[in-house]
Amino acid sequence: MKYGRRRLEDGVEAEEAALEPATDLVDRFKEVYDTTDCCELTGYDFSDPSQFQAFLDSPEAVEKCTERVTKVTGWIAEIISKRDGIL
């Protein structure tokens, strides 16, 4: 979002700046977790309401997901810092 286009009128060219950091993030995620598919990561199919509820009812599953989101948030901060010359 930080590097993508600001307005629809900016066209596809304005999205180019976002491609490299987004690709870096996805590649890193796949390197660590082997997939970006939530069903594979959690073992729950979120399109099925009963499985989604089962996920929400599982403290272990929610905690595992929360840990991953926390880790990815750190990666995003690293990518932005590196790209913006802060690190």
C-alpha atoms as a PDB file:
ATOM      1  CA  MET A   1       0.000   0.000   0.000  1.00  0.00           C
ATOM      2  CA  LYS A   2       2.841   2.380   0.764  1.00  0.00           C
ATOM      3  CA  TYR A   3       4.308   2.082  -2.725  1.00  0.00           C
ATOM      4  CA  GLY A   4       1.211   1.399  -4.848  1.00  0.00           C
ATOM      5  CA  ARG A   5      -0.804   3.863  -6.847  1.00  0.00           C
ATOM      6  CA  ARG A   6      -2.712   6.509  -4.972  1.00  0.00           C
ATOM      7  CA  ARG A   7      -5.521   6.997  -7.482  1.00  0.00           C
ATOM      8  CA  LEU A   8      -7.077   4.772 -10.120  1.00  0.00           C
ATOM      9  CA  GLU A   9      -6.277   7.437 -12.693  1.00  0.00           C
ATOM     10  CA  ASP A  10      -2.549   6.926 -12.052  1.00  0.00           C
ATOM     11  CA  GLY A  11      -2.718   3.765 -14.157  1.00  0.00           C
ATOM     12  CA  VAL A  12      -0.845   0.495 -13.985  1.00  0.00           C
ATOM     13  CA  GLU A  13       2.553   2.207 -14.258  1.00  0.00           C
ATOM     14  CA  ALA A  14       2.047   3.645 -10.771  1.00  0.00           C
ATOM     15  CA  GLU A  15       1.887   0.102  -9.360  1.00  0.00           C
ATOM     16  CA  GLU A  16       5.393  -0.804 -10.500  1.00  0.00           C
ATOM     17  CA  ALA A  17       6.998   0.637  -7.373  1.00  0.00           C
ATOM     18  CA  ALA A  18       4.983  -1.822  -5.264  1.00  0.00           C
ATOM     19  CA  LEU A  19       5.941  -4.958  -7.188  1.00  0.00           C
ATOM     20  CA  GLU A  20       9.446  -5.448  -5.799  1.00  0.00           C
ATOM     21  CA  PRO A  21       8.621  -5.033  -2.089  1.00  0.00           C
ATOM     22  CA  ALA A  22       5.460  -7.134  -2.469  1.00  0.00           C
ATOM     23  CA  THR A  23       7.395  -9.881  -4.230  1.00  0.00           C
ATOM     24  CA  ASP A  24      10.071  -9.758  -1.519  1.00  0.00           C
ATOM     25  CA  LEU A  25       7.412 -10.236   1.160  1.00  0.00           C
ATOM     26  CA  VAL A  26       5.663 -13.119  -0.608  1.00  0.00           C
ATOM     27  CA  ASP A  27       8.966 -14.853  -1.358  1.00  0.00           C
ATOM     28  CA  ARG A  28      10.056 -14.571   2.266  1.00  0.00           C
ATOM     29  CA  PHE A  29       6.718 -15.904   3.487  1.00  0.00           C
ATOM     30  CA  LYS A  30       6.900 -18.886   1.129  1.00  0.00           C
ATOM     31  CA  GLU A  31      10.503 -19.556   2.166  1.00  0.00           C
ATOM     32  CA  VAL A  32       9.466 -19.825   5.810  1.00  0.00           C
ATOM     33  CA  TYR A  33       5.966 -21.337   5.513  1.00  0.00           C
ATOM     34  CA  ASP A  34       6.113 -23.078   2.089  1.00  0.00           C
ATOM     35  CA  THR A  35       2.727 -21.623   1.047  1.00  0.00           C
ATOM     36  CA  THR A  36       0.528 -18.557   1.234  1.00  0.00           C
ATOM     37  CA  ASP A  37      -2.689 -20.584   1.295  1.00  0.00           C
ATOM     38  CA  CYS A  38      -4.607 -20.056   4.563  1.00  0.00           C
ATOM     39  CA  CYS A  39      -6.228 -23.481   4.367  1.00  0.00           C
ATOM     40  CA  GLU A  40      -2.824 -25.150   4.136  1.00  0.00           C
ATOM     41  CA  LEU A  41      -1.379 -22.930   6.870  1.00  0.00           C
ATOM     42  CA  THR A  42      -4.201 -23.362   9.362  1.00  0.00           C
ATOM     43  CA  GLY A  43      -5.822 -26.641   8.395  1.00  0.00           C
ATOM     44  CA  TYR A  44      -9.180 -24.847   8.232  1.00  0.00           C
ATOM     45  CA  ASP A  45     -11.228 -23.867   5.172  1.00  0.00           C
ATOM     46  CA  PHE A  46     -12.429 -20.343   5.925  1.00  0.00           C
ATOM     47  CA  SER A  47     -15.030 -20.499   3.125  1.00  0.00           C
ATOM     48  CA  ASP A  48     -16.884 -23.088   5.228  1.00  0.00           C
ATOM     49  CA  PRO A  49     -18.625 -21.258   8.113  1.00  0.00           C
ATOM     50  CA  SER A  50     -18.389 -24.254  10.447  1.00  0.00           C
ATOM     51  CA  GLN A  51     -14.652 -24.627   9.839  1.00  0.00           C
ATOM     52  CA  PHE A  52     -14.136 -20.894  10.286  1.00  0.00           C
ATOM     53  CA  GLN A  53     -15.972 -21.091  13.597  1.00  0.00           C
ATOM     54  CA  ALA A  54     -13.867 -24.107  14.593  1.00  0.00           C
ATOM     55  CA  PHE A  55     -10.756 -22.033  13.847  1.00  0.00           C
ATOM     56  CA  LEU A  56     -12.048 -19.179  16.004  1.00  0.00           C
ATOM     57  CA  ASP A  57     -12.848 -21.656  18.774  1.00  0.00           C
ATOM     58  CA  SER A  58      -9.302 -23.046  18.714  1.00  0.00           C
ATOM     59  CA  PRO A  59      -6.968 -20.916  20.858  1.00  0.00           C
ATOM     60  CA  GLU A  60      -3.970 -22.815  19.462  1.00  0.00           C
ATOM     61  CA  ALA A  61      -4.913 -22.122  15.833  1.00  0.00           C
ATOM     62  CA  VAL A  62      -5.624 -18.460  16.499  1.00  0.00           C
ATOM     63  CA  GLU A  63      -2.346 -18.095  18.429  1.00  0.00           C
ATOM     64  CA  LYS A  64      -0.367 -19.684  15.584  1.00  0.00           C
ATOM     65  CA  CYS A  65      -1.999 -17.311  13.107  1.00  0.00           C
ATOM     66  CA  THR A  66      -1.347 -14.330  15.382  1.00  0.00           C
ATOM     67  CA  GLU A  67       2.330 -15.286  15.652  1.00  0.00           C
ATOM     68  CA  ARG A  68       2.617 -15.420  11.868  1.00  0.00           C
ATOM     69  CA  VAL A  69       0.916 -12.058  11.426  1.00  0.00           C
ATOM     70  CA  THR A  70       3.252 -10.548  14.012  1.00  0.00           C
ATOM     71  CA  LYS A  71       6.295 -11.973  12.221  1.00  0.00           C
ATOM     72  CA  VAL A  72       5.088 -10.715   8.838  1.00  0.00           C
ATOM     73  CA  THR A  73       4.459  -7.258  10.271  1.00  0.00           C
ATOM     74  CA  GLY A  74       8.117  -7.164  11.287  1.00  0.00           C
ATOM     75  CA  TRP A  75       9.165  -8.230   7.795  1.00  0.00           C
ATOM     76  CA  ILE A  76       7.064  -5.442   6.299  1.00  0.00           C
ATOM     77  CA  ALA A  77       8.745  -2.914   8.593  1.00  0.00           C
ATOM     78  CA  GLU A  78      12.158  -4.253   7.512  1.00  0.00           C
ATOM     79  CA  ILE A  79      11.270  -4.040   3.818  1.00  0.00           C
ATOM     80  CA  ILE A  80       9.997  -0.473   4.162  1.00  0.00           C
ATOM     81  CA  SER A  81      12.983   0.598   6.271  1.00  0.00           C
ATOM     82  CA  LYS A  82      15.460  -0.921   3.835  1.00  0.00           C
ATOM     83  CA  ARG A  83      13.691   0.519   0.782  1.00  0.00           C
ATOM     84  CA  ASP A  84      13.422   3.978   2.332  1.00  0.00           C
ATOM     85  CA  GLY A  85      17.072   3.917   3.471  1.00  0.00           C
ATOM     86  CA  ILE A  86      16.287   3.863   7.188  1.00  0.00           C
ATOM     87  CA  LEU A  87      18.341   0.720   7.859  1.00  0.00           C
END
